Protein backbone atom coordinates (compact mmCIF):
# COMPACT_ATOMS: atom_id res chain seq x y z
CA MET A 1 162.83 135.11 -33.01
CA LYS A 2 164.22 137.83 -30.74
CA LYS A 3 163.25 140.56 -33.21
CA LEU A 4 159.79 139.03 -33.66
CA VAL A 5 159.16 139.00 -29.90
CA ALA A 6 160.46 142.56 -29.56
CA LYS A 7 158.03 143.97 -32.12
CA THR A 8 155.01 142.01 -30.80
CA LYS A 9 152.65 144.24 -28.81
CA LYS A 10 150.68 141.40 -27.19
CA ILE A 11 150.76 137.61 -27.16
CA ASN A 12 148.86 136.07 -30.06
CA THR A 13 147.00 132.90 -29.15
CA VAL A 14 144.35 130.69 -30.73
CA GLU A 15 141.74 132.66 -28.79
CA THR A 16 142.97 136.15 -29.74
CA LEU A 17 143.36 135.15 -33.39
CA THR A 18 139.86 133.69 -33.39
CA ASP A 19 138.52 137.00 -32.09
CA ASP A 20 140.51 138.91 -34.71
CA LEU A 21 139.09 136.77 -37.52
CA PHE A 22 135.54 137.42 -36.35
CA LYS A 23 136.27 141.17 -36.19
CA LEU A 24 137.49 141.06 -39.78
CA GLY A 25 134.18 139.53 -40.83
CA VAL A 26 134.95 135.83 -41.24
CA GLN A 27 131.84 133.84 -40.36
CA ASN A 28 130.96 130.30 -39.35
CA GLY A 29 130.37 128.24 -42.47
CA SER A 30 132.51 130.47 -44.70
CA THR A 31 134.38 129.16 -47.71
CA LEU A 32 137.82 130.79 -47.57
CA LEU A 33 140.88 130.87 -49.80
CA VAL A 34 143.69 131.94 -47.48
CA HIS A 35 147.02 133.60 -48.26
CA SER A 36 149.16 134.17 -45.20
CA SER A 37 152.43 135.35 -43.69
CA LEU A 38 153.12 134.01 -40.20
CA SER A 39 155.85 136.52 -39.34
CA SER A 40 153.56 139.46 -40.14
CA ILE A 41 151.27 138.48 -37.24
CA GLY A 42 154.00 138.87 -34.64
CA TRP A 43 154.98 136.21 -32.15
CA VAL A 44 152.29 133.53 -32.04
CA ASN A 45 151.99 131.09 -29.16
CA GLY A 46 151.89 127.86 -31.14
CA GLY A 47 153.12 129.29 -34.42
CA PRO A 48 151.34 128.13 -37.58
CA VAL A 49 149.35 125.51 -35.65
CA ALA A 50 147.65 128.24 -33.61
CA VAL A 51 146.73 130.18 -36.75
CA ILE A 52 145.25 127.12 -38.44
CA ASP A 53 143.34 126.14 -35.31
CA ALA A 54 141.88 129.66 -35.12
CA LEU A 55 140.82 129.51 -38.77
CA MET A 56 139.18 126.13 -38.23
CA ASN A 57 137.44 127.41 -35.07
CA VAL A 58 135.85 130.22 -37.05
CA VAL A 59 135.04 128.44 -40.31
CA THR A 60 133.90 125.19 -38.59
CA THR A 61 133.27 121.92 -40.40
CA ASN A 62 130.21 123.54 -41.98
CA GLY A 63 132.60 125.72 -43.99
CA THR A 64 135.64 125.08 -46.14
CA LEU A 65 139.23 126.23 -45.71
CA VAL A 66 141.52 126.27 -48.77
CA MET A 67 145.16 127.27 -49.19
CA PRO A 68 147.48 127.20 -52.20
CA SER A 69 150.03 124.40 -51.80
CA GLN A 70 152.08 125.09 -54.89
CA THR A 71 155.38 123.46 -55.82
CA GLY A 72 156.94 125.69 -58.42
CA ASP A 73 160.22 123.79 -58.28
CA LEU A 74 158.50 120.81 -59.92
CA SER A 75 158.81 122.41 -63.31
CA ASP A 76 160.92 122.44 -66.44
CA PRO A 77 164.43 123.73 -65.59
CA VAL A 78 164.51 125.56 -68.93
CA ASN A 79 162.24 128.14 -67.26
CA TRP A 80 164.11 128.46 -63.96
CA GLY A 81 165.43 131.86 -63.00
CA ASN A 82 165.72 131.69 -59.21
CA PRO A 83 168.29 130.29 -59.57
CA PRO A 84 168.93 129.30 -63.19
CA VAL A 85 170.90 126.10 -63.79
CA PRO A 86 173.33 125.22 -66.59
CA GLU A 87 171.72 124.03 -69.80
CA ASP A 88 173.67 120.80 -69.74
CA TRP A 89 171.91 119.93 -66.45
CA TRP A 90 168.38 120.24 -67.86
CA GLU A 91 167.82 116.74 -69.18
CA GLU A 92 169.30 115.04 -66.13
CA ILE A 93 167.07 117.16 -63.88
CA ARG A 94 164.01 116.13 -65.89
CA GLN A 95 164.99 112.45 -65.69
CA THR A 96 165.79 112.35 -61.96
CA MET A 97 163.41 114.84 -60.27
CA PRO A 98 161.20 112.97 -57.75
CA PRO A 99 157.56 112.88 -58.88
CA TYR A 100 154.76 114.83 -57.24
CA HIS A 101 153.05 113.08 -54.33
CA PRO A 102 150.17 115.04 -52.76
CA GLU A 103 150.88 113.58 -49.31
CA ILE A 104 154.66 114.07 -49.39
CA THR A 105 155.82 116.86 -51.67
CA PRO A 106 156.44 120.05 -49.66
CA THR A 107 155.12 123.41 -50.74
CA ARG A 108 157.52 126.03 -52.07
CA GLY A 109 157.22 129.72 -51.25
CA MET A 110 153.78 129.35 -49.64
CA GLY A 111 154.86 130.12 -46.07
CA GLN A 112 154.79 128.17 -42.82
CA ILE A 113 151.02 128.28 -42.36
CA ALA A 114 150.23 126.71 -45.74
CA GLU A 115 153.01 124.14 -45.37
CA THR A 116 151.72 123.11 -41.93
CA PHE A 117 148.09 123.11 -43.10
CA ARG A 118 148.72 120.54 -45.85
CA THR A 119 149.92 118.04 -43.19
CA TYR A 120 146.84 118.41 -40.96
CA PRO A 121 144.44 115.51 -40.35
CA GLU A 122 141.45 115.59 -42.71
CA VAL A 123 143.20 118.02 -45.06
CA SER A 124 143.39 116.81 -48.66
CA ARG A 125 145.40 118.10 -51.60
CA SER A 126 144.72 118.28 -55.33
CA ASP A 127 146.73 116.36 -57.92
CA HIS A 128 148.36 119.17 -59.91
CA PRO A 129 152.17 118.82 -59.74
CA ALA A 130 152.88 122.57 -59.72
CA VAL A 131 149.79 124.54 -58.63
CA SER A 132 147.96 122.27 -56.18
CA PHE A 133 145.57 123.41 -53.45
CA ALA A 134 144.95 121.93 -50.00
CA ALA A 135 141.50 121.98 -48.42
CA TRP A 136 139.58 121.07 -45.26
CA GLY A 137 135.90 121.11 -44.45
CA LYS A 138 132.50 120.57 -45.98
CA GLU A 139 133.29 121.18 -49.67
CA LYS A 140 136.91 119.99 -49.76
CA ASN A 141 136.27 117.00 -52.01
CA HIS A 142 134.26 119.05 -54.47
CA VAL A 143 136.86 121.83 -54.56
CA LEU A 144 139.82 119.51 -55.12
CA ALA A 145 138.32 116.92 -57.47
CA ASP A 146 139.48 116.61 -61.09
CA HIS A 147 142.17 119.28 -60.98
CA GLN A 148 143.28 119.30 -64.62
CA ILE A 149 147.02 119.52 -65.30
CA ASP A 150 146.62 121.57 -68.48
CA PHE A 151 145.78 125.19 -67.57
CA GLY A 152 145.94 124.36 -63.87
CA LEU A 153 144.57 127.70 -62.64
CA GLY A 154 141.77 127.85 -65.20
CA GLU A 155 138.31 126.39 -65.64
CA LYS A 156 139.16 122.88 -64.43
CA SER A 157 140.84 124.07 -61.24
CA PRO A 158 139.88 124.54 -57.58
CA LEU A 159 139.72 128.28 -58.30
CA ALA A 160 136.77 127.73 -60.65
CA LYS A 161 135.05 125.61 -57.98
CA LEU A 162 135.60 128.35 -55.41
CA TYR A 163 134.14 130.86 -57.85
CA GLN A 164 131.00 128.71 -58.12
CA LEU A 165 130.79 128.50 -54.31
CA ASN A 166 131.05 132.29 -54.00
CA ALA A 167 134.08 131.94 -51.72
CA GLN A 168 135.92 134.75 -49.99
CA ILE A 169 139.63 135.51 -50.08
CA LEU A 170 141.49 136.14 -46.83
CA PHE A 171 144.87 137.87 -46.77
CA ILE A 172 146.74 137.59 -43.47
CA GLY A 173 149.67 139.97 -43.85
CA THR A 174 149.95 139.44 -47.60
CA GLY A 175 149.11 141.61 -50.60
CA TYR A 176 147.55 141.32 -54.01
CA GLU A 177 150.79 140.23 -55.64
CA THR A 178 150.10 136.75 -54.23
CA ASN A 179 146.39 136.70 -55.11
CA THR A 180 146.14 133.40 -56.99
CA ALA A 181 142.49 134.03 -57.88
CA PHE A 182 143.48 136.79 -60.31
CA HIS A 183 144.89 133.98 -62.47
CA LEU A 184 141.39 132.65 -63.11
CA GLY A 185 140.38 136.06 -64.46
CA GLU A 186 143.55 136.03 -66.54
CA HIS A 187 142.50 132.70 -68.05
CA ARG A 188 139.02 134.02 -68.84
CA ALA A 189 140.28 137.10 -70.66
CA PRO A 190 140.86 136.58 -74.40
CA GLY A 191 144.32 136.69 -75.95
CA ASN A 192 146.35 134.45 -73.64
CA GLN A 193 149.76 133.32 -74.80
CA ILE A 194 150.03 129.53 -74.50
CA VAL A 195 153.25 128.01 -73.15
CA LEU A 196 154.51 124.49 -72.48
CA GLU A 197 155.50 123.36 -69.01
CA GLY A 198 156.61 120.05 -67.58
CA ALA A 199 156.70 118.17 -64.29
CA PRO A 200 157.32 114.63 -62.98
CA ILE A 201 154.12 112.75 -62.09
CA ILE A 202 152.98 109.21 -61.38
CA LYS A 203 150.94 107.87 -64.32
CA ASN A 204 149.86 104.25 -64.58
CA GLU A 205 151.96 103.58 -61.46
CA GLN A 206 155.11 104.79 -63.24
CA ARG A 207 157.12 107.98 -62.87
CA THR A 208 156.97 110.02 -66.05
CA TRP A 209 157.95 113.50 -67.18
CA TYR A 210 154.67 115.06 -68.26
CA THR A 211 154.50 118.02 -70.65
CA TYR A 212 151.40 120.18 -70.40
CA HIS A 213 149.89 123.46 -71.59
CA ASP A 214 149.53 126.63 -69.55
CA ILE A 215 149.39 130.37 -70.12
CA ASP A 216 152.10 132.96 -69.73
CA TYR A 217 151.05 134.53 -66.43
CA GLN A 218 151.51 138.21 -65.60
CA GLU A 219 151.71 138.32 -61.80
CA GLU A 220 153.66 141.56 -62.01
CA LYS A 221 150.36 143.33 -62.73
CA PHE A 222 148.53 141.92 -59.71
CA GLU A 223 149.41 144.69 -57.24
CA GLN A 224 148.11 147.33 -59.64
CA ILE A 225 144.94 145.29 -60.23
CA GLY A 226 144.43 145.01 -56.48
CA LYS A 227 144.75 148.75 -55.89
CA GLN A 228 142.17 149.46 -58.57
CA PHE A 229 139.90 146.68 -57.29
CA GLU A 230 139.83 148.20 -53.79
CA GLN A 231 138.58 151.50 -55.19
CA GLN A 232 135.47 149.85 -56.61
CA TYR A 233 134.59 146.88 -54.38
CA LYS A 234 134.09 146.19 -50.69
CA VAL A 235 137.22 144.95 -48.96
CA ASN A 236 137.11 144.45 -45.18
CA GLN A 237 140.36 145.51 -43.53
CA GLU A 238 141.40 144.76 -39.96
CA TRP A 239 144.36 143.47 -37.99
CA ILE A 240 145.00 139.82 -37.24
CA GLY A 241 147.62 140.14 -34.57
CA GLN A 242 149.89 142.73 -36.15
CA ALA A 243 149.16 141.60 -39.68
CA LYS A 244 147.17 143.97 -41.87
CA SER A 245 144.50 141.67 -43.24
CA ARG A 246 141.81 141.78 -45.90
CA LEU A 247 138.63 139.86 -46.62
CA PHE A 248 136.80 140.15 -49.94
CA SER A 249 134.81 138.30 -52.58
CA LEU A 250 136.73 135.86 -54.78
CA ARG A 251 134.07 136.14 -57.48
CA GLU A 252 134.34 139.93 -57.62
CA ALA A 253 138.15 139.71 -57.72
CA VAL A 254 138.12 137.21 -60.59
CA ASP A 255 135.58 139.23 -62.58
CA TYR A 256 137.60 142.41 -62.12
CA SER A 257 140.82 140.66 -63.16
CA GLN A 258 139.10 139.34 -66.28
CA LYS A 259 137.94 142.85 -67.21
CA TYR A 260 141.42 144.27 -66.54
CA PHE A 261 143.27 141.77 -68.75
CA THR A 262 140.62 142.00 -71.48
CA LYS A 263 141.05 145.76 -71.59
CA ILE A 264 144.86 145.89 -71.65
CA ARG A 265 145.04 143.22 -74.36
CA GLN A 266 142.78 145.32 -76.58
CA GLU A 267 144.92 148.44 -76.24
C-alpha cells in the first residue's frame, strides 16, 4: 500500500474515474467486456468498489457490463502446471473438489475488480465451471444464458453473444495477453486441436465430475495478435488513473484473431 500511494499522482475517486472513462470514449448505454488491473490505476479511494461504481455510472442500466469470472483451478489436475501435483493425488482431487456454484465459487487470477464485481447486487454469472462470465445491466440475461460447457469460449458462449451485440472491449491497465475475446476467433478458425477437460458440477442435484470437450488454446500468441491488430484497427488509448487503457471493438478483434489463426494454421 505504501508503494502504491507513493507512486499515485492524484487521488482516484468514483468521480475522477468516471471522467476518465468518458475521456477514453466509453458511452452511456455501452456494452462492455472489461479486463482490469486495480493496482495499475494507482491508489483508489474505495478500491475495486469505486472502479465498479464508476463503470456503472458511465454504462448505466441502459448498457451492459461484463467481466470474465473464470475459475481455472476447477479443472483436471492432470493438466495443472502452476503448481503441478503428484499423479497419485489426481483421482482424490477429482473426487473431493467442491463443485462450481455461480454465487459462491471465487474467481482465480481475474483481479480484485472482477472478483468484487461478481458479488455485486444485480450481477449474475454464467454456469460454466471454468470459464464463466459475470454481467450487469440491460442485456445480462441474454449474454449469460445457455453457456455451453463444451467449447466454453466458442459459439455457445457469452463471447458469441457479445459479438452479436457489437460490444466493446475495455482494458484498464491490462494487455492483449488477457484478451479473452481472441479465443472466439481461435474457435472460428479451422484446424483446432480438441482436448478433454473436467470439472466438478451440480447435475440433477448431485455433485459429479463432468468431462467435456474444449480446444487447445494458444494464449501465448495473443500479445503478437494485439500488436498487429492495433496497426490496422481503431483503438482508443487514454489513462484511467495511472493505468494505460484501451477501448476497441470486440467484433473487429474476434474477426482479426480468426484471420490470424486461419493463416498460421495454413502455413
